Each structure stands twice: as structure tokens, then as C-alpha cells.
Amino acid sequence: MNWTARLMRFVRSDAFALTVSGLCGALLLFAAGMAVARLNAFPYRQIVAVIDDVEDNLHRPLLWSLYRADVPATVTTRDEARMAPGLTLVSAFNESHDGHDVRIVAPDGETVHEWRINWNEIWPNPDHLPPDARDQYQKHLHGVTLADNGDLIFNFTELGMTRVDPCGAVVWRLPRRAHHAIFPMEDGSFWVPDMIRHEAPVATYPNHVPPFDEFLLLHVSADGEVLREFSINQMLIDNGLHGLLYMSQIAEQYTTVTTDTLHLNDVDVFPESMPEGVFKHGDIMVSLRNINTILVFDPATLRIRWISVGAVLRQHDPDFDDGDTISVFENNVLMSEPFDNANAGANAADQRSYITTISARENRVLRRFDGGRGGPFFTDLMGNHQRLPNGNMFIVEARRGRAFEVTADGDLVWDYHNILEPGLLGAISFAERLPEKFDRAFFAARTCPAS
């Protein structure tokens, strides 16, 4: 029997019918899956929720809070004579991997003071949270500041804002989903990002498929009372920038968006101590990471004074440098795969982040600093920077558990690593050099009874 006859016999057989049926079924399933994903229709949300739960409960502790690397000591490089003076506040994961410490660290690496932060002790009954948020594996700090009296104010990110005294006793708790940053004002109040996760459609935000996040700013008093709140999403609409709400969708014919569309991750206020330029005293700057946007607005009118879209990539922590200039921790995430902490970030070997300086008056990038002689640095998530009074730069390479200081000409003078055990580092969610008034004597006067 020749091959033509064999082919015709197969075409007439039940096996051929089953094969065609199977292929048609597979194609239909594929097409249905593409349509579900494109339209965010049922059961897309349910599938995404399952994937998120698996990540939170199984992989997330390893993939992002830990980093495998061998470093010789907590402080590995130090030139104290060229350092900016002062102790350093470090907020970082501790050896339990799901817990958080805030430490006050001396130049030699000694811990001068420490808070061991325990979610379950501080928030035993978090009734303000939906069940999925209460049950998530890690409840880490993201947003920390030190008050003049030594109290510590912090966010369990997207879970609640808290103030504790130097011994860790709760002063107040704010049951809001505060996250990422806390900016202290001279009057003792704070600006802090907040969010609402909408589980049902909202007419104000068409084509926002639940669940989706609406981002807010809160002005919180020193006593933990909300003085004012407003929506960043609504502010974009009111300023004629509604198109920014849909930038996280890349489909050709659909503008539906869902979940974390903007990712508000910082707030900063232009201080009275700086001469005005493009920016005016009291102006507020926010960072919207997922749409590569930084904007500055007048809090009295909520009118946007200046905006930058696309000058930086996946940024954190924009700061005012002067009346016309800002500097930004630009994560510059260009990886083809997720950052792999289990293998010391091997797939991120050629990646680097920057401290990027932008002129608001000229609306252009002036400089990208890659670490100088301290070597390139990279973190795909978090990260912050601080210009120090002596001209040095303090940088937090968050995911690699590192904070370091370089001079204005790029020499490394201090290098700190959050070592959990030999060969294993914990992520640093925030660190900063403290003003000199927070010295050893300040913390010695706030000793706590042994637990």
C-alpha cells in the first residue's frame, strides 16, 4: 500500500477524528484563555488570586527577602574620617526571615539601639483588613521614621501604621493600609501613602476591573489622627491626565486595567529651608512606579505643578535637591526574568540601578550615578538614597541587603551588610544617616528594661 492510500485510510479512521477533535478542543481552550486574560473575565481573577497565594505562601520568602552572598563582615569598608557624621537607622529583615528589626548602627557596625517588631503583638486583631491581607506570610516594614523624642513610626506595608516608644510599647495604631514611605513634617505630623483595594466596580474609574487599587495620600497628626486625605487617582483625572490611569494595559483594543495600576511608592515635601524655584514651599512630590512617573503638586489646590513621565524606569524615592532639581533612586529594571535571590541574583549580573538627577526647569536628565568607585549597585525592588550634609551620598541596595556611603567623587567610605547567617543576607527595606542630635547619649538615656 503506497503512502497516499495509507494517508486516506488514516483520514477515514476514528483515530484521525479523535486527533482533529483534540486539536480543535485545544485551540478552543487556548482561544478562550486568551480572551479571558485579555478581557479580565471569569475565571481570570480567580486564577491570578491562586497564583498570588502560592507565591505569597511558598516562594516569596525565599525570592525577595533573602540574598545569598558571602561577605566578610557587617561593616566591610570604612573610612570614618571621610564619612558624614552620625548614627545610621537600618530597617531590615531579621534571622527569622519573616520578621523585621529596626536598628541604630554605629560606624563600626555596633548596634546602639534596636526594636524587634512583631506584627502579631502590635496588631492582634486587625479587623480593618480583608482576610487575604491578614493571612499573607510576610508582614514587613516599608516606611520608617524616627521622632524627635525617640519614638519610632512605621508602616507594616499595606497593613497598618504604628507609633511605638523607644522600648517598643505601642503609642498609637492607625488602621489604614499605609505603605512604602513616611515623610515627617516639622510640626510632628506625617504624610504617608495609603490605598483602598476595590472589590467591586467604581463608576469614577471605568475599565478598572476589580480587584484594583486606588492610591491615596494621608496627612496624619503626631497623635495618629487623619487630618486630611485625597485620591491620587482622582487628582490625575482632575488635572486632565486620566490617560495615565490606563498605562499598565498593553493590549491594542482594550484599556482594562486591574490590581496595582500605579504603585504609589513615595511622598516628599519641599522644605521651607530651600529657596524656591519651579518648586514652591509646601509642594508635595509623589512617585508612581508602575507608570514611570513623578509629579509635584500644590496640596492647597491639588493642581500639578510639574510632571515627568518616562525619564526614569521603575523608580523609588525621589528627593528635592533644590528649587529646580530632584534626584531619584532609579531601579532601572531591565531583567528578562525575575530577580533570583536563591542564586545570588545570577540573572541580574549585568543590571545596574542609578541615582538620577533631573532638572525640572529644563525637563531633562542631568546625570546618572552608578556607584562610582564603590562599584555598580542594583535592586529591582525598593531602594533609597540620601544626600548628606558633607556632600556624600548614602545608598540602600535593598534586595542585596546592603547600605553604603560614597563621597561626592565616588570613593566608597562605608559599607554595611545585613548578615543573617554566613552566606545569607536579609533585605534592607529602608536606611538613612540620622541627624547628629540622635547620638549615643540620646539612646543611652532611653534604655529599656530587659525582656
Protein backbone atom coordinates (compact mmCIF):
# COMPACT_ATOMS: atom_id res chain seq x y z
CA MET A 1 0.00 0.00 0.00
CA ASN A 2 1.50 3.34 -1.07
CA TRP A 3 1.71 6.36 1.19
CA THR A 4 -1.32 8.05 -0.43
CA ALA A 5 -3.53 5.09 0.33
CA ARG A 6 -2.21 4.90 3.89
CA LEU A 7 -2.97 8.59 4.37
CA MET A 8 -6.51 8.22 3.04
CA ARG A 9 -7.11 5.23 5.29
CA PHE A 10 -5.92 7.23 8.32
CA VAL A 11 -8.13 10.20 7.38
CA ARG A 12 -11.19 7.91 7.35
CA SER A 13 -10.26 6.29 10.70
CA ASP A 14 -11.55 7.04 14.21
CA ALA A 15 -8.00 7.94 15.27
CA PHE A 16 -7.96 10.83 12.81
CA ALA A 17 -11.34 12.04 14.03
CA LEU A 18 -10.11 11.96 17.63
CA THR A 19 -6.89 13.76 16.71
CA VAL A 20 -8.77 16.54 14.91
CA SER A 21 -11.27 16.79 17.73
CA GLY A 22 -8.47 17.07 20.27
CA LEU A 23 -6.66 19.74 18.31
CA CYS A 24 -9.87 21.72 17.87
CA GLY A 25 -10.58 21.45 21.56
CA ALA A 26 -7.06 22.60 22.43
CA LEU A 27 -7.35 25.54 20.06
CA LEU A 28 -10.72 26.49 21.54
CA LEU A 29 -9.30 26.31 25.06
CA PHE A 30 -6.31 28.41 24.02
CA ALA A 31 -8.57 30.99 22.37
CA ALA A 32 -10.84 31.05 25.41
CA GLY A 33 -7.83 31.50 27.69
CA MET A 34 -6.53 34.39 25.59
CA ALA A 35 -9.97 36.04 25.65
CA VAL A 36 -10.31 35.58 29.42
CA ALA A 37 -6.88 37.12 30.00
CA ARG A 38 -7.44 39.95 27.52
CA LEU A 39 -10.86 40.85 28.95
CA ASN A 40 -10.04 40.03 32.59
CA ALA A 41 -13.18 37.88 32.54
CA PHE A 42 -14.07 34.90 34.74
CA PRO A 43 -12.05 32.94 35.86
CA TYR A 44 -9.06 35.24 35.26
CA ARG A 45 -9.25 36.92 38.69
CA GLN A 46 -9.61 33.58 40.44
CA ILE A 47 -6.57 32.13 38.64
CA VAL A 48 -4.48 35.22 39.45
CA ALA A 49 -5.55 35.02 43.09
CA VAL A 50 -4.44 31.38 43.32
CA ILE A 51 -1.06 32.21 41.75
CA ASP A 52 -0.60 35.13 44.15
CA ASP A 53 -1.46 32.94 47.13
CA VAL A 54 1.07 30.31 46.06
CA GLU A 55 3.74 32.98 45.63
CA ASP A 56 3.00 34.62 48.99
CA ASN A 57 2.91 31.40 50.95
CA LEU A 58 5.65 29.35 49.28
CA HIS A 59 8.10 31.28 47.16
CA ARG A 60 8.05 34.88 48.27
CA PRO A 61 10.08 34.46 51.50
CA LEU A 62 12.97 32.98 49.52
CA LEU A 63 12.72 35.00 46.35
CA TRP A 64 12.77 38.53 47.64
CA SER A 65 13.66 38.90 51.34
CA LEU A 66 16.86 36.82 51.25
CA TYR A 67 20.04 37.08 49.23
CA ARG A 68 22.82 34.50 49.03
CA ALA A 69 26.29 36.03 49.09
CA ASP A 70 29.47 35.74 51.14
CA VAL A 71 30.63 38.98 52.75
CA PRO A 72 33.38 39.07 55.39
CA ALA A 73 31.71 41.30 57.99
CA THR A 74 28.78 43.57 58.70
CA VAL A 75 30.96 46.60 58.02
CA THR A 76 33.44 45.67 55.29
CA THR A 77 34.80 49.04 54.18
CA ARG A 78 35.19 52.15 56.31
CA ASP A 79 36.98 55.48 56.12
CA GLU A 80 35.44 57.21 59.11
CA ALA A 81 37.36 60.44 58.55
CA ARG A 82 35.54 60.99 55.24
CA MET A 83 32.13 59.76 56.41
CA ALA A 84 29.28 62.09 57.19
CA PRO A 85 28.91 62.09 60.98
CA GLY A 86 26.07 60.37 62.77
CA LEU A 87 24.50 57.01 63.52
CA THR A 88 22.56 55.07 60.90
CA LEU A 89 18.99 53.79 61.11
CA VAL A 90 18.55 50.42 59.37
CA SER A 91 15.15 48.75 58.85
CA ALA A 92 15.75 45.16 57.73
CA PHE A 93 14.61 41.55 57.78
CA ASN A 94 15.99 39.56 60.70
CA GLU A 95 17.14 35.97 61.09
CA SER A 96 13.57 34.62 61.29
CA HIS A 97 13.18 35.69 57.62
CA ASP A 98 9.58 36.81 58.21
CA GLY A 99 10.36 39.29 60.99
CA HIS A 100 11.73 42.81 60.98
CA ASP A 101 14.22 44.80 63.06
CA VAL A 102 14.94 48.49 63.19
CA ARG A 103 18.50 49.12 64.40
CA ILE A 104 20.53 52.20 65.22
CA VAL A 105 24.02 51.36 63.98
CA ALA A 106 27.38 52.99 64.80
CA PRO A 107 30.10 53.48 62.14
CA ASP A 108 31.89 50.35 63.38
CA GLY A 109 28.74 48.24 62.94
CA GLU A 110 27.76 48.10 66.62
CA THR A 111 24.01 48.14 67.25
CA VAL A 112 23.40 51.04 69.63
CA HIS A 113 19.62 50.56 69.92
CA GLU A 114 17.13 48.12 68.45
CA TRP A 115 13.42 47.48 68.03
CA ARG A 116 12.26 43.90 67.35
CA ILE A 117 8.98 44.40 65.52
CA ASN A 118 6.33 41.69 65.84
CA TRP A 119 3.14 42.03 63.78
CA ASN A 120 1.04 39.69 65.94
CA GLU A 121 1.89 41.58 69.14
CA ILE A 122 1.18 45.00 67.66
CA TRP A 123 -1.93 44.06 65.62
CA PRO A 124 -3.58 41.07 67.39
CA ASN A 125 -7.00 41.80 65.84
CA PRO A 126 -6.56 43.62 62.51
CA ASP A 127 -10.27 43.95 61.79
CA HIS A 128 -9.63 46.75 59.26
CA LEU A 129 -8.00 44.27 56.85
CA PRO A 130 -9.60 41.79 54.42
CA PRO A 131 -8.84 38.11 55.19
CA ASP A 132 -6.28 37.72 52.39
CA ALA A 133 -4.19 40.61 53.79
CA ARG A 134 -4.35 39.25 57.36
CA ASP A 135 -3.16 35.84 56.20
CA GLN A 136 -0.25 36.88 53.98
CA TYR A 137 3.03 35.31 55.01
CA GLN A 138 5.29 38.32 55.40
CA LYS A 139 4.27 41.48 57.19
CA HIS A 140 7.31 43.67 56.68
CA LEU A 141 8.07 47.29 57.39
CA HIS A 142 8.11 49.72 54.49
CA GLY A 143 8.19 53.30 55.63
CA VAL A 144 10.07 54.20 58.84
CA THR A 145 10.94 57.46 60.59
CA LEU A 146 12.29 58.49 63.98
CA ALA A 147 10.55 61.21 66.02
CA ASP A 148 12.44 63.85 67.99
CA ASN A 149 11.62 62.09 71.28
CA GLY A 150 12.94 58.72 70.06
CA ASP A 151 9.58 57.19 69.13
CA LEU A 152 9.59 55.03 66.01
CA ILE A 153 6.81 55.46 63.43
CA PHE A 154 6.45 52.82 60.73
CA ASN A 155 4.15 51.07 58.27
CA PHE A 156 3.54 47.37 58.09
CA THR A 157 3.22 47.93 54.37
CA GLU A 158 -0.44 47.98 53.20
CA LEU A 159 -1.47 46.69 56.64
CA GLY A 160 -1.30 49.49 59.21
CA MET A 161 0.67 52.46 60.55
CA THR A 162 2.08 52.36 64.09
CA ARG A 163 3.95 54.54 66.57
CA VAL A 164 5.98 52.88 69.35
CA ASP A 165 8.17 54.36 72.08
CA PRO A 166 11.93 53.68 72.33
CA CYS A 167 11.18 50.46 74.23
CA GLY A 168 8.65 49.19 71.68
CA ALA A 169 5.44 49.95 73.60
CA VAL A 170 2.60 50.97 71.29
CA VAL A 171 1.73 54.69 71.46
CA TRP A 172 -0.94 54.51 68.75
CA ARG A 173 -2.05 52.47 65.77
CA LEU A 174 -3.72 53.77 62.63
CA PRO A 175 -5.93 51.12 60.97
CA ARG A 176 -5.30 52.23 57.41
CA ARG A 177 -3.44 50.47 54.58
CA ALA A 178 -0.45 52.81 54.76
CA HIS A 179 2.59 51.75 52.78
CA HIS A 180 6.07 52.47 51.41
CA ALA A 181 7.03 55.79 53.00
CA ILE A 182 6.50 58.23 55.85
CA PHE A 183 7.51 61.87 55.47
CA PRO A 184 7.83 63.73 58.82
CA MET A 185 6.84 67.40 58.99
CA GLU A 186 8.36 69.98 61.36
CA ASP A 187 5.10 70.20 63.34
CA GLY A 188 5.30 66.48 64.19
CA SER A 189 2.72 65.37 61.63
CA PHE A 190 3.34 62.99 58.72
CA TRP A 191 2.46 62.49 55.07
CA VAL A 192 2.02 58.84 54.16
CA PRO A 193 0.76 56.88 51.12
CA ASP A 194 -2.42 54.87 51.63
CA MET A 195 -4.59 52.66 49.43
CA ILE A 196 -8.05 51.20 49.01
CA ARG A 197 -8.49 47.87 47.25
CA HIS A 198 -11.82 47.97 45.42
CA GLU A 199 -13.56 44.61 45.15
CA ALA A 200 -16.44 45.98 43.05
CA PRO A 201 -16.57 48.31 40.03
CA VAL A 202 -16.37 52.05 40.70
CA ALA A 203 -18.15 54.37 38.24
CA THR A 204 -15.44 57.03 38.62
CA TYR A 205 -12.87 54.62 37.21
CA PRO A 206 -14.26 52.95 34.08
CA ASN A 207 -12.39 49.92 32.74
CA HIS A 208 -10.84 49.29 36.16
CA VAL A 209 -11.53 45.60 36.75
CA PRO A 210 -11.84 44.55 40.40
CA PRO A 211 -9.82 43.97 42.39
CA PHE A 212 -7.93 47.21 41.75
CA ASP A 213 -6.12 49.68 43.95
CA GLU A 214 -6.93 53.35 44.41
CA PHE A 215 -4.00 55.27 45.86
CA LEU A 216 -4.40 57.99 48.49
CA LEU A 217 -2.26 60.38 50.49
CA LEU A 218 -2.91 60.85 54.19
CA HIS A 219 -1.86 63.74 56.40
CA VAL A 220 -1.56 62.18 59.87
CA SER A 221 -1.15 64.10 63.13
CA ALA A 222 1.54 63.36 65.71
CA ASP A 223 -1.23 61.66 67.71
CA GLY A 224 -2.22 59.32 64.87
CA GLU A 225 -5.34 61.12 63.65
CA VAL A 226 -6.04 61.55 59.94
CA LEU A 227 -6.12 65.29 59.29
CA ARG A 228 -6.70 65.08 55.54
CA GLU A 229 -6.87 62.54 52.75
CA PHE A 230 -7.22 62.66 48.97
CA SER A 231 -7.03 60.34 45.99
CA ILE A 232 -4.04 60.41 43.64
CA ASN A 233 -6.15 58.62 41.00
CA GLN A 234 -8.79 61.35 41.17
CA MET A 235 -6.13 64.06 41.14
CA LEU A 236 -4.82 62.73 37.81
CA ILE A 237 -8.34 62.91 36.37
CA ASP A 238 -8.90 66.44 37.70
CA ASN A 239 -5.61 67.58 36.14
CA GLY A 240 -6.54 66.23 32.71
CA LEU A 241 -4.18 63.26 32.96
CA HIS A 242 -6.72 60.43 33.05
CA GLY A 243 -4.74 58.57 30.36
CA LEU A 244 -2.06 57.76 32.93
CA LEU A 245 -4.58 55.54 34.73
CA TYR A 246 -4.52 53.08 31.83
CA MET A 247 -0.80 52.83 31.03
CA SER A 248 -0.42 49.41 32.64
CA GLN A 249 -2.52 47.85 29.82
CA ILE A 250 -0.65 47.00 26.61
CA ALA A 251 -3.46 45.37 24.58
CA GLU A 252 -4.24 47.04 21.28
CA GLN A 253 -8.02 47.30 21.57
CA TYR A 254 -8.66 47.22 25.31
CA THR A 255 -7.87 49.64 28.11
CA THR A 256 -8.97 47.48 31.03
CA VAL A 257 -6.59 47.58 34.00
CA THR A 258 -6.57 45.76 37.30
CA THR A 259 -4.81 45.35 40.67
CA ASP A 260 -1.71 47.55 41.21
CA THR A 261 -2.06 50.01 38.33
CA LEU A 262 0.02 52.99 39.55
CA HIS A 263 2.05 51.75 42.55
CA LEU A 264 2.44 54.92 44.61
CA ASN A 265 5.73 54.39 46.45
CA ASP A 266 6.95 57.69 47.91
CA VAL A 267 5.95 61.12 49.18
CA ASP A 268 8.24 64.10 49.79
CA VAL A 269 7.54 67.74 50.76
CA PHE A 270 9.55 70.75 49.52
CA PRO A 271 11.00 72.31 52.70
CA GLU A 272 10.92 75.90 53.90
CA SER A 273 14.72 75.76 54.24
CA MET A 274 15.27 75.59 50.44
CA PRO A 275 14.96 78.63 48.13
CA GLU A 276 12.01 78.30 45.77
CA GLY A 277 12.33 77.73 42.04
CA VAL A 278 9.99 75.63 39.92
CA PHE A 279 9.04 74.06 43.26
CA LYS A 280 7.37 76.11 45.99
CA HIS A 281 7.42 75.70 49.76
CA GLY A 282 4.99 73.00 50.83
CA ASP A 283 4.75 71.37 47.39
CA ILE A 284 4.32 67.59 47.54
CA MET A 285 6.14 65.15 45.27
CA VAL A 286 4.95 61.58 44.70
CA SER A 287 6.35 58.65 42.73
CA LEU A 288 4.13 56.34 40.64
CA ARG A 289 6.44 53.43 39.89
CA ASN A 290 4.34 51.32 37.52
CA ILE A 291 3.88 54.18 35.06
CA ASN A 292 7.44 55.61 35.44
CA THR A 293 6.01 58.92 36.61
CA ILE A 294 7.00 61.56 39.17
CA LEU A 295 4.81 64.58 39.82
CA VAL A 296 4.83 67.64 42.07
CA PHE A 297 1.62 69.39 43.11
CA ASP A 298 0.28 72.16 45.31
CA PRO A 299 -1.52 70.49 48.26
CA ALA A 300 -3.81 73.51 48.71
CA THR A 301 -5.30 73.26 45.21
CA LEU A 302 -4.22 69.73 44.14
CA ARG A 303 -3.04 71.26 40.86
CA ILE A 304 0.01 69.55 39.38
CA ARG A 305 2.92 71.97 39.09
CA TRP A 306 5.41 69.66 37.32
CA ILE A 307 5.39 66.12 35.95
CA SER A 308 7.97 63.75 34.50
CA VAL A 309 6.85 60.65 32.58
CA GLY A 310 9.41 58.16 31.29
CA ALA A 311 12.65 59.92 32.29
CA VAL A 312 13.34 57.11 34.78
CA LEU A 313 12.43 53.42 34.87
CA ARG A 314 10.67 51.78 37.85
CA GLN A 315 11.88 54.42 40.29
CA HIS A 316 11.75 54.83 44.06
CA ASP A 317 12.49 57.68 46.45
CA PRO A 318 12.58 60.97 44.52
CA ASP A 319 14.00 63.77 46.71
CA PHE A 320 14.14 67.55 46.27
CA ASP A 321 17.76 68.69 45.76
CA ASP A 322 16.90 72.38 45.30
CA GLY A 323 14.12 74.54 43.91
CA ASP A 324 14.63 73.28 40.37
CA THR A 325 16.19 69.83 40.74
CA ILE A 326 15.32 66.39 42.08
CA SER A 327 17.31 63.19 42.50
CA VAL A 328 15.73 59.76 42.14
CA PHE A 329 16.63 56.18 43.02
CA GLU A 330 16.13 54.71 39.54
CA ASN A 331 15.84 50.93 39.85
CA ASN A 332 16.20 50.60 36.05
CA VAL A 333 14.68 47.11 35.94
CA LEU A 334 15.56 45.54 32.57
CA MET A 335 15.73 41.86 33.53
CA SER A 336 14.14 39.24 31.31
CA GLU A 337 13.30 37.07 34.33
CA PRO A 338 12.53 37.78 38.00
CA PHE A 339 15.43 38.59 40.31
CA ASP A 340 16.65 35.25 41.68
CA ASN A 341 17.88 35.66 45.25
CA ALA A 342 18.26 31.90 45.67
CA ASN A 343 21.20 32.02 43.25
CA ALA A 344 22.67 35.35 44.35
CA GLY A 345 20.80 37.23 41.64
CA ALA A 346 22.66 35.49 38.83
CA ASN A 347 20.21 36.62 36.19
CA ALA A 348 20.77 40.25 37.26
CA ALA A 349 24.58 40.20 36.88
CA ASP A 350 24.64 42.89 34.17
CA GLN A 351 21.91 45.03 35.69
CA ARG A 352 22.54 48.32 37.45
CA SER A 353 20.45 50.93 39.19
CA TYR A 354 21.23 54.66 39.31
CA ILE A 355 20.83 57.80 41.31
CA THR A 356 19.39 60.00 38.58
CA THR A 357 19.32 63.80 38.75
CA ILE A 358 16.56 65.61 36.82
CA SER A 359 16.22 69.33 36.10
CA ALA A 360 12.59 70.35 36.41
CA ARG A 361 13.29 73.72 34.78
CA GLU A 362 14.93 72.13 31.72
CA ASN A 363 12.82 68.95 31.99
CA ARG A 364 15.77 66.67 31.27
CA VAL A 365 18.11 64.20 32.98
CA LEU A 366 21.34 65.84 34.11
CA ARG A 367 23.24 62.84 35.48
CA ARG A 368 23.03 59.14 36.25
CA PHE A 369 25.34 57.97 39.07
CA ASP A 370 26.10 54.23 39.10
CA GLY A 371 28.02 53.94 42.38
CA GLY A 372 31.39 55.33 41.35
CA ARG A 373 34.43 53.50 42.66
CA GLY A 374 32.14 51.78 45.14
CA GLY A 375 31.05 49.66 42.19
CA PRO A 376 27.70 49.31 40.43
CA PHE A 377 24.62 48.54 42.52
CA PHE A 378 21.26 47.05 41.62
CA THR A 379 17.94 46.31 43.25
CA ASP A 380 14.76 45.61 41.33
CA LEU A 381 12.52 46.46 44.29
CA MET A 382 12.71 49.15 46.99
CA GLY A 383 15.92 51.15 47.44
CA ASN A 384 16.50 54.71 48.68
CA HIS A 385 19.17 57.38 48.70
CA GLN A 386 20.14 60.38 50.83
CA ARG A 387 22.33 63.38 50.07
CA LEU A 388 24.38 64.01 53.20
CA PRO A 389 25.44 67.43 54.58
CA ASN A 390 29.13 66.89 53.68
CA GLY A 391 28.25 66.17 50.02
CA ASN A 392 28.42 62.38 50.30
CA MET A 393 25.69 60.05 49.03
CA PHE A 394 24.09 57.30 51.14
CA ILE A 395 22.55 54.50 49.07
CA VAL A 396 20.46 51.44 50.00
CA GLU A 397 20.78 48.42 47.69
CA ALA A 398 17.69 46.90 49.23
CA ARG A 399 17.35 43.37 47.85
CA ARG A 400 21.05 42.62 48.35
CA GLY A 401 20.88 43.64 52.00
CA ARG A 402 23.43 46.43 51.58
CA ALA A 403 23.72 50.11 52.54
CA PHE A 404 26.78 52.17 51.65
CA GLU A 405 28.18 55.69 51.59
CA VAL A 406 30.27 57.24 48.83
CA THR A 407 31.96 60.60 48.58
CA ALA A 408 30.98 63.22 46.01
CA ASP A 409 33.78 61.96 43.75
CA GLY A 410 32.70 58.32 44.09
CA ASP A 411 35.01 56.84 46.76
CA LEU A 412 33.45 54.17 48.99
CA VAL A 413 33.82 55.14 52.67
CA TRP A 414 31.30 52.86 54.46
CA ASP A 415 29.71 49.55 53.50
CA TYR A 416 27.10 47.77 55.64
CA HIS A 417 25.55 44.33 55.07
CA ASN A 418 22.56 42.81 56.86
CA ILE A 419 24.09 39.39 57.57
CA LEU A 420 21.57 36.84 58.86
CA GLU A 421 23.99 33.90 58.83
CA PRO A 422 27.16 33.07 56.90
CA GLY A 423 26.38 33.29 53.20
CA LEU A 424 22.87 34.71 53.71
CA LEU A 425 21.79 38.36 53.74
CA GLY A 426 18.39 39.85 54.54
CA ALA A 427 16.78 42.63 52.53
CA ILE A 428 17.01 46.19 53.87
CA SER A 429 13.69 47.96 53.33
CA PHE A 430 14.99 51.39 54.40
CA ALA A 431 18.08 53.01 55.89
CA GLU A 432 19.27 56.57 56.49
CA ARG A 433 22.01 58.53 58.27
CA LEU A 434 20.47 60.25 61.28
CA PRO A 435 20.99 63.88 62.32
CA GLU A 436 23.79 64.31 64.87
CA LYS A 437 21.31 65.06 67.68
CA PHE A 438 20.48 61.33 67.66
CA ASP A 439 23.81 60.33 69.19
CA ARG A 440 24.86 57.58 71.60
CA ALA A 441 23.89 59.70 74.61
CA PHE A 442 20.40 60.20 73.17
CA PHE A 443 19.79 56.44 73.00
CA ALA A 444 21.64 55.69 76.27
CA ALA A 445 19.08 57.91 78.02
CA ARG A 446 16.32 55.68 76.62
CA THR A 447 17.38 52.32 77.97
CA CYS A 448 14.67 49.70 78.26
CA PRO A 449 14.10 47.01 80.88
CA ALA A 450 15.32 43.55 79.92
CA SER A 451 12.55 41.44 78.42
